[in-house]
């Protein structure tokens, strides 16, 4: 059933039944939370993010795996010693 037909059915109910529907909807919102439909629009590429390439001029970041490995080794030696 689409939202418009549901609304029409609710409007045909007596006021006390409409209040029961409203109470039930409030209960369901607390049970399931609010789910917003996904925003429609132009999808952005991750490459458009301003943070992409911010370290491109750093020589120590050319090989990120090596950089992380060295950073971890340095931290592990500091904790052991």
PDB file of N, CA and C in Angstrom:
ATOM      1  N   UNK A   1       0.848  -1.173   0.000  1.00  0.00           N
ATOM      2  CA  UNK A   1       0.000   0.000   0.000  1.00  0.00           C
ATOM      3  C   UNK A   1       0.893   1.235   0.000  1.00  0.00           C
ATOM      4  N   UNK A   2       0.599   2.171  -0.852  1.00  0.00           N
ATOM      5  CA  UNK A   2       1.416   3.386  -0.924  1.00  0.00           C
ATOM      6  C   UNK A   2       0.966   4.388   0.155  1.00  0.00           C
ATOM      7  N   UNK A   3       1.798   5.360   0.508  1.00  0.00           N
ATOM      8  CA  UNK A   3       1.483   6.304   1.587  1.00  0.00           C
ATOM      9  C   UNK A   3       0.177   7.074   1.380  1.00  0.00           C
ATOM     10  N   UNK A   4      -0.124   7.436   0.144  1.00  0.00           N
ATOM     11  CA  UNK A   4      -1.357   8.192  -0.102  1.00  0.00           C
ATOM     12  C   UNK A   4      -2.595   7.368   0.233  1.00  0.00           C
ATOM     13  N   UNK A   5      -2.609   6.089  -0.166  1.00  0.00           N
ATOM     14  CA  UNK A   5      -3.780   5.258   0.130  1.00  0.00           C
ATOM     15  C   UNK A   5      -3.878   4.962   1.622  1.00  0.00           C
ATOM     16  N   UNK A   6      -2.752   4.842   2.292  1.00  0.00           N
ATOM     17  CA  UNK A   6      -2.771   4.646   3.749  1.00  0.00           C
ATOM     18  C   UNK A   6      -3.372   5.876   4.416  1.00  0.00           C
ATOM     19  N   UNK A   7      -2.941   7.052   3.989  1.00  0.00           N
ATOM     20  CA  UNK A   7      -3.473   8.291   4.557  1.00  0.00           C
ATOM     21  C   UNK A   7      -4.982   8.395   4.337  1.00  0.00           C
ATOM     22  N   UNK A   8      -5.443   8.038   3.153  1.00  0.00           N
ATOM     23  CA  UNK A   8      -6.887   8.076   2.870  1.00  0.00           C
ATOM     24  C   UNK A   8      -7.634   7.127   3.789  1.00  0.00           C
ATOM     25  N   UNK A   9      -7.089   5.929   4.016  1.00  0.00           N
ATOM     26  CA  UNK A   9      -7.732   4.960   4.903  1.00  0.00           C
ATOM     27  C   UNK A   9      -7.794   5.483   6.334  1.00  0.00           C
ATOM     28  N   UNK A  10      -6.731   6.136   6.774  1.00  0.00           N
ATOM     29  CA  UNK A  10      -6.706   6.692   8.132  1.00  0.00           C
ATOM     30  C   UNK A  10      -7.749   7.791   8.266  1.00  0.00           C
ATOM     31  N   UNK A  11      -7.877   8.632   7.241  1.00  0.00           N
ATOM     32  CA  UNK A  11      -8.838   9.732   7.290  1.00  0.00           C
ATOM     33  C   UNK A  11     -10.280   9.240   7.352  1.00  0.00           C
ATOM     34  N   UNK A  12     -10.541   8.018   6.931  1.00  0.00           N
ATOM     35  CA  UNK A  12     -11.892   7.456   6.984  1.00  0.00           C
ATOM     36  C   UNK A  12     -12.251   6.917   8.372  1.00  0.00           C
ATOM     37  N   UNK A  13     -11.247   6.807   9.230  1.00  0.00           N
ATOM     38  CA  UNK A  13     -11.470   6.283  10.581  1.00  0.00           C
ATOM     39  C   UNK A  13     -12.037   7.371  11.493  1.00  0.00           C
ATOM     40  N   UNK A  14     -12.742   6.969  12.551  1.00  0.00           N
ATOM     41  CA  UNK A  14     -13.201   7.955  13.540  1.00  0.00           C
ATOM     42  C   UNK A  14     -12.005   8.530  14.290  1.00  0.00           C
ATOM     43  N   UNK A  15     -12.164   9.716  14.887  1.00  0.00           N
ATOM     44  CA  UNK A  15     -11.042  10.396  15.560  1.00  0.00           C
ATOM     45  C   UNK A  15     -10.305   9.535  16.582  1.00  0.00           C
ATOM     46  N   UNK A  16     -11.033   8.742  17.371  1.00  0.00           N
ATOM     47  CA  UNK A  16     -10.344   7.924  18.384  1.00  0.00           C
ATOM     48  C   UNK A  16      -9.487   6.841  17.727  1.00  0.00           C
ATOM     49  N   UNK A  17      -9.915   6.313  16.593  1.00  0.00           N
ATOM     50  CA  UNK A  17      -9.112   5.320  15.874  1.00  0.00           C
ATOM     51  C   UNK A  17      -7.906   5.993  15.223  1.00  0.00           C
ATOM     52  N   UNK A  18      -8.088   7.215  14.737  1.00  0.00           N
ATOM     53  CA  UNK A  18      -6.959   7.959  14.167  1.00  0.00           C
ATOM     54  C   UNK A  18      -5.901   8.198  15.242  1.00  0.00           C
ATOM     55  N   UNK A  19      -6.346   8.469  16.468  1.00  0.00           N
ATOM     56  CA  UNK A  19      -5.402   8.668  17.567  1.00  0.00           C
ATOM     57  C   UNK A  19      -4.652   7.376  17.867  1.00  0.00           C
ATOM     58  N   UNK A  20      -5.327   6.240  17.781  1.00  0.00           N
ATOM     59  CA  UNK A  20      -4.663   4.955  17.983  1.00  0.00           C
ATOM     60  C   UNK A  20      -3.599   4.709  16.923  1.00  0.00           C
ATOM     61  N   UNK A  21      -3.926   5.084  15.681  1.00  0.00           N
ATOM     62  CA  UNK A  21      -2.945   4.948  14.595  1.00  0.00           C
ATOM     63  C   UNK A  21      -1.733   5.824  14.888  1.00  0.00           C
ATOM     64  N   UNK A  22      -1.980   7.069  15.317  1.00  0.00           N
ATOM     65  CA  UNK A  22      -0.880   7.988  15.631  1.00  0.00           C
ATOM     66  C   UNK A  22      -0.023   7.438  16.767  1.00  0.00           C
ATOM     67  N   UNK A  23      -0.664   6.873  17.781  1.00  0.00           N
ATOM     68  CA  UNK A  23       0.075   6.282  18.904  1.00  0.00           C
ATOM     69  C   UNK A  23       0.915   5.092  18.445  1.00  0.00           C
ATOM     70  N   UNK A  24       0.340   4.277  17.580  1.00  0.00           N
ATOM     71  CA  UNK A  24       1.062   3.116  17.080  1.00  0.00           C
ATOM     72  C   UNK A  24       2.268   3.534  16.241  1.00  0.00           C
ATOM     73  N   UNK A  25       2.084   4.554  15.422  1.00  0.00           N
ATOM     74  CA  UNK A  25       3.203   5.070  14.618  1.00  0.00           C
ATOM     75  C   UNK A  25       4.307   5.587  15.539  1.00  0.00           C
ATOM     76  N   UNK A  26       3.934   6.294  16.595  1.00  0.00           N
ATOM     77  CA  UNK A  26       4.932   6.782  17.555  1.00  0.00           C
ATOM     78  C   UNK A  26       5.676   5.614  18.203  1.00  0.00           C
ATOM     79  N   UNK A  27       4.946   4.562  18.537  1.00  0.00           N
ATOM     80  CA  UNK A  27       5.571   3.365  19.109  1.00  0.00           C
ATOM     81  C   UNK A  27       6.570   2.754  18.126  1.00  0.00           C
ATOM     82  N   UNK A  28       6.154   2.622  16.859  1.00  0.00           N
ATOM     83  CA  UNK A  28       7.046   2.039  15.851  1.00  0.00           C
ATOM     84  C   UNK A  28       8.297   2.888  15.647  1.00  0.00           C
ATOM     85  N   UNK A  29       8.146   4.195  15.719  1.00  0.00           N
ATOM     86  CA  UNK A  29       9.321   5.070  15.567  1.00  0.00           C
ATOM     87  C   UNK A  29      10.302   4.872  16.707  1.00  0.00           C
ATOM     88  N   UNK A  30       9.794   4.656  17.930  1.00  0.00           N
ATOM     89  CA  UNK A  30      10.717   4.416  19.040  1.00  0.00           C
ATOM     90  C   UNK A  30      11.348   3.034  18.936  1.00  0.00           C
ATOM     91  N   UNK A  31      10.596   2.084  18.391  1.00  0.00           N
ATOM     92  CA  UNK A  31      11.119   0.728  18.260  1.00  0.00           C
ATOM     93  C   UNK A  31      12.175   0.618  17.166  1.00  0.00           C
ATOM     94  N   UNK A  32      11.909   1.236  16.024  1.00  0.00           N
ATOM     95  CA  UNK A  32      12.794   1.090  14.869  1.00  0.00           C
ATOM     96  C   UNK A  32      13.662   2.312  14.606  1.00  0.00           C
ATOM     97  N   UNK A  33      13.383   3.427  15.231  1.00  0.00           N
ATOM     98  CA  UNK A  33      14.116   4.646  14.943  1.00  0.00           C
ATOM     99  C   UNK A  33      13.622   5.259  13.649  1.00  0.00           C
ATOM    100  N   UNK A  34      14.210   6.357  13.318  1.00  0.00           N
ATOM    101  CA  UNK A  34      13.815   7.033  12.087  1.00  0.00           C
ATOM    102  C   UNK A  34      14.789   6.682  10.985  1.00  0.00           C
ATOM    103  N   UNK A  35      14.256   6.278   9.877  1.00  0.00           N
ATOM    104  CA  UNK A  35      15.081   5.939   8.721  1.00  0.00           C
ATOM    105  C   UNK A  35      14.735   6.922   7.618  1.00  0.00           C
ATOM    106  N   UNK A  36      15.704   7.676   7.249  1.00  0.00           N
ATOM    107  CA  UNK A  36      15.489   8.669   6.200  1.00  0.00           C
ATOM    108  C   UNK A  36      15.821   8.056   4.850  1.00  0.00           C
ATOM    109  N   UNK A  37      15.050   8.376   3.845  1.00  0.00           N
ATOM    110  CA  UNK A  37      15.381   7.850   2.514  1.00  0.00           C
ATOM    111  C   UNK A  37      16.718   8.429   2.049  1.00  0.00           C
ATOM    112  N   UNK A  38      17.464   7.657   1.276  1.00  0.00           N
ATOM    113  CA  UNK A  38      18.756   8.174   0.820  1.00  0.00           C
ATOM    114  C   UNK A  38      18.570   9.433  -0.017  1.00  0.00           C
ATOM    115  N   UNK A  39      19.498  10.337   0.158  1.00  0.00           N
ATOM    116  CA  UNK A  39      19.438  11.577  -0.608  1.00  0.00           C
ATOM    117  C   UNK A  39      19.727  11.285  -2.071  1.00  0.00           C
ATOM    118  N   UNK A  40      18.941  11.884  -2.894  1.00  0.00           N
ATOM    119  CA  UNK A  40      19.162  11.710  -4.320  1.00  0.00           C
ATOM    120  C   UNK A  40      19.916  12.925  -4.830  1.00  0.00           C
ATOM    121  N   UNK A  41      20.746  12.691  -5.746  1.00  0.00           N
ATOM    122  CA  UNK A  41      21.541  13.771  -6.292  1.00  0.00           C
ATOM    123  C   UNK A  41      22.772  13.200  -6.963  1.00  0.00           C
ATOM    124  N   UNK A  42      23.600  14.088  -7.389  1.00  0.00           N
ATOM    125  CA  UNK A  42      24.807  13.670  -8.079  1.00  0.00           C
ATOM    126  C   UNK A  42      25.754  12.982  -7.105  1.00  0.00           C
ATOM    127  N   UNK A  43      26.190  11.794  -7.471  1.00  0.00           N
ATOM    128  CA  UNK A  43      27.156  11.074  -6.645  1.00  0.00           C
ATOM    129  C   UNK A  43      28.523  11.705  -6.831  1.00  0.00           C
ATOM    130  N   UNK A  44      29.212  11.857  -5.720  1.00  0.00           N
ATOM    131  CA  UNK A  44      30.540  12.454  -5.766  1.00  0.00           C
ATOM    132  C   UNK A  44      31.591  11.362  -5.765  1.00  0.00           C
ATOM    133  N   UNK A  45      32.651  11.619  -6.432  1.00  0.00           N
ATOM    134  CA  UNK A  45      33.774  10.697  -6.441  1.00  0.00           C
ATOM    135  C   UNK A  45      34.636  10.961  -5.213  1.00  0.00           C
ATOM    136  N   UNK A  46      35.233   9.916  -4.685  1.00  0.00           N
ATOM    137  CA  UNK A  46      36.146  10.081  -3.562  1.00  0.00           C
ATOM    138  C   UNK A  46      37.324  10.977  -3.962  1.00  0.00           C
ATOM    139  N   UNK A  47      37.636  11.004  -5.233  1.00  0.00           N
ATOM    140  CA  UNK A  47      38.747  11.833  -5.710  1.00  0.00           C
ATOM    141  C   UNK A  47      38.434  13.321  -5.609  1.00  0.00           C
ATOM    142  N   UNK A  48      37.149  13.670  -5.447  1.00  0.00           N
ATOM    143  CA  UNK A  48      36.766  15.068  -5.299  1.00  0.00           C
ATOM    144  C   UNK A  48      36.963  15.583  -3.878  1.00  0.00           C
ATOM    145  N   UNK A  49      37.244  14.673  -2.955  1.00  0.00           N
ATOM    146  CA  UNK A  49      37.439  15.062  -1.561  1.00  0.00           C
ATOM    147  C   UNK A  49      38.718  15.893  -1.429  1.00  0.00           C
ATOM    148  N   UNK A  50      38.647  16.964  -0.651  1.00  0.00           N
ATOM    149  CA  UNK A  50      39.796  17.865  -0.500  1.00  0.00           C
ATOM    150  C   UNK A  50      40.987  17.200   0.174  1.00  0.00           C
ATOM    151  N   UNK A  51      40.723  16.134   0.952  1.00  0.00           N
ATOM    152  CA  UNK A  51      41.833  15.498   1.665  1.00  0.00           C
ATOM    153  C   UNK A  51      42.662  14.590   0.756  1.00  0.00           C
ATOM    154  N   UNK A  52      42.118  14.195  -0.379  1.00  0.00           N
ATOM    155  CA  UNK A  52      42.861  13.324  -1.282  1.00  0.00           C
ATOM    156  C   UNK A  52      44.050  14.104  -1.865  1.00  0.00           C
ATOM    157  N   UNK A  53      45.207  13.546  -1.690  1.00  0.00           N
ATOM    158  CA  UNK A  53      46.410  14.170  -2.230  1.00  0.00           C
ATOM    159  C   UNK A  53      47.048  15.219  -1.336  1.00  0.00           C
ATOM    160  N   UNK A  54      46.572  15.340  -0.104  1.00  0.00           N
ATOM    161  CA  UNK A  54      47.104  16.405   0.750  1.00  0.00           C
ATOM    162  C   UNK A  54      48.552  16.153   1.159  1.00  0.00           C
ATOM    163  N   UNK A  55      49.019  14.910   1.063  1.00  0.00           N
ATOM    164  CA  UNK A  55      50.403  14.603   1.406  1.00  0.00           C
ATOM    165  C   UNK A  55      51.216  14.241   0.172  1.00  0.00           C
ATOM    166  N   UNK A  56      50.766  14.635  -0.984  1.00  0.00           N
ATOM    167  CA  UNK A  56      51.436  14.218  -2.222  1.00  0.00           C
ATOM    168  C   UNK A  56      52.873  14.735  -2.330  1.00  0.00           C
ATOM    169  N   UNK A  57      53.190  15.821  -1.648  1.00  0.00           N
ATOM    170  CA  UNK A  57      54.536  16.390  -1.735  1.00  0.00           C
ATOM    171  C   UNK A  57      55.481  15.853  -0.652  1.00  0.00           C
ATOM    172  N   UNK A  58      54.993  15.006   0.226  1.00  0.00           N
ATOM    173  CA  UNK A  58      55.837  14.468   1.290  1.00  0.00           C
ATOM    174  C   UNK A  58      56.565  13.238   0.794  1.00  0.00           C
ATOM    175  N   UNK A  59      57.866  13.302   0.814  1.00  0.00           N
ATOM    176  CA  UNK A  59      58.686  12.182   0.341  1.00  0.00           C
ATOM    177  C   UNK A  59      58.533  10.945   1.228  1.00  0.00           C
ATOM    178  N   UNK A  60      58.328  11.143   2.537  1.00  0.00           N
ATOM    179  CA  UNK A  60      58.209   9.996   3.434  1.00  0.00           C
ATOM    180  C   UNK A  60      56.875   9.271   3.269  1.00  0.00           C
ATOM    181  N   UNK A  61      55.947   9.841   2.512  1.00  0.00           N
ATOM    182  CA  UNK A  61      54.631   9.223   2.296  1.00  0.00           C
ATOM    183  C   UNK A  61      54.514   8.535   0.929  1.00  0.00           C
ATOM    184  N   UNK A  62      55.573   8.473   0.181  1.00  0.00           N
ATOM    185  CA  UNK A  62      55.509   7.831  -1.140  1.00  0.00           C
ATOM    186  C   UNK A  62      55.098   6.371  -1.021  1.00  0.00           C
ATOM    187  N   UNK A  63      55.632   5.696   0.008  1.00  0.00           N
ATOM    188  CA  UNK A  63      55.260   4.304   0.271  1.00  0.00           C
ATOM    189  C   UNK A  63      54.596   4.276   1.646  1.00  0.00           C
ATOM    190  N   UNK A  64      53.264   4.339   1.658  1.00  0.00           N
ATOM    191  CA  UNK A  64      52.542   4.454   2.931  1.00  0.00           C
ATOM    192  C   UNK A  64      52.724   3.215   3.815  1.00  0.00           C
ATOM    193  N   UNK A  65      52.844   2.041   3.210  1.00  0.00           N
ATOM    194  CA  UNK A  65      53.037   0.823   4.005  1.00  0.00           C
ATOM    195  C   UNK A  65      54.359   0.880   4.763  1.00  0.00           C
ATOM    196  N   UNK A  66      55.390   1.329   4.096  1.00  0.00           N
ATOM    197  CA  UNK A  66      56.693   1.468   4.724  1.00  0.00           C
ATOM    198  C   UNK A  66      56.639   2.515   5.835  1.00  0.00           C
ATOM    199  N   UNK A  67      55.948   3.605   5.594  1.00  0.00           N
ATOM    200  CA  UNK A  67      55.829   4.676   6.582  1.00  0.00           C
ATOM    201  C   UNK A  67      55.144   4.146   7.846  1.00  0.00           C
ATOM    202  N   UNK A  68      54.052   3.409   7.679  1.00  0.00           N
ATOM    203  CA  UNK A  68      53.328   2.859   8.820  1.00  0.00           C
ATOM    204  C   UNK A  68      54.200   1.848   9.553  1.00  0.00           C
ATOM    205  N   UNK A  69      54.907   1.003   8.810  1.00  0.00           N
ATOM    206  CA  UNK A  69      55.775   0.005   9.419  1.00  0.00           C
ATOM    207  C   UNK A  69      56.835   0.678  10.289  1.00  0.00           C
ATOM    208  N   UNK A  70      57.470   1.717   9.769  1.00  0.00           N
ATOM    209  CA  UNK A  70      58.498   2.432  10.528  1.00  0.00           C
ATOM    210  C   UNK A  70      57.907   3.093  11.763  1.00  0.00           C
ATOM    211  N   UNK A  71      56.728   3.664  11.620  1.00  0.00           N
ATOM    212  CA  UNK A  71      56.067   4.318  12.747  1.00  0.00           C
ATOM    213  C   UNK A  71      55.744   3.306  13.843  1.00  0.00           C
ATOM    214  N   UNK A  72      55.259   2.141  13.461  1.00  0.00           N
ATOM    215  CA  UNK A  72      54.952   1.090  14.439  1.00  0.00           C
ATOM    216  C   UNK A  72      56.217   0.588  15.130  1.00  0.00           C
ATOM    217  N   UNK A  73      57.284   0.356  14.357  1.00  0.00           N
ATOM    218  CA  UNK A  73      58.534  -0.107  14.952  1.00  0.00           C
ATOM    219  C   UNK A  73      59.048   0.896  15.971  1.00  0.00           C
ATOM    220  N   UNK A  74      58.967   2.163  15.631  1.00  0.00           N
ATOM    221  CA  UNK A  74      59.424   3.218  16.532  1.00  0.00           C
ATOM    222  C   UNK A  74      58.596   3.208  17.824  1.00  0.00           C
ATOM    223  N   UNK A  75      57.285   3.056  17.698  1.00  0.00           N
ATOM    224  CA  UNK A  75      56.400   3.038  18.863  1.00  0.00           C
ATOM    225  C   UNK A  75      56.625   1.793  19.713  1.00  0.00           C
ATOM    226  N   UNK A  76      56.810   0.649  19.080  1.00  0.00           N
ATOM    227  CA  UNK A  76      57.026  -0.590  19.817  1.00  0.00           C
ATOM    228  C   UNK A  76      58.355  -0.536  20.582  1.00  0.00           C
ATOM    229  N   UNK A  77      59.399   0.018  19.964  1.00  0.00           N
ATOM    230  CA  UNK A  77      60.682   0.137  20.660  1.00  0.00           C
ATOM    231  C   UNK A  77      60.562   1.069  21.854  1.00  0.00           C
ATOM    232  N   UNK A  78      59.786   2.122  21.719  1.00  0.00           N
ATOM    233  CA  UNK A  78      59.611   3.079  22.797  1.00  0.00           C
ATOM    234  C   UNK A  78      58.886   2.425  23.975  1.00  0.00           C
ATOM    235  N   UNK A  79      57.881   1.576  23.696  1.00  0.00           N
ATOM    236  CA  UNK A  79      57.121   0.918  24.758  1.00  0.00           C
ATOM    237  C   UNK A  79      57.925  -0.179  25.449  1.00  0.00           C
ATOM    238  N   UNK A  80      58.811  -0.846  24.702  1.00  0.00           N
ATOM    239  CA  UNK A  80      59.619  -1.923  25.291  1.00  0.00           C
ATOM    240  C   UNK A  80      60.751  -1.365  26.149  1.00  0.00           C
ATOM    241  N   UNK A  81      61.294  -0.270  25.713  1.00  0.00           N
ATOM    242  CA  UNK A  81      62.500   0.244  26.369  1.00  0.00           C
ATOM    243  C   UNK A  81      62.211   1.264  27.333  1.00  0.00           C
TER     244      UNK A  81
END
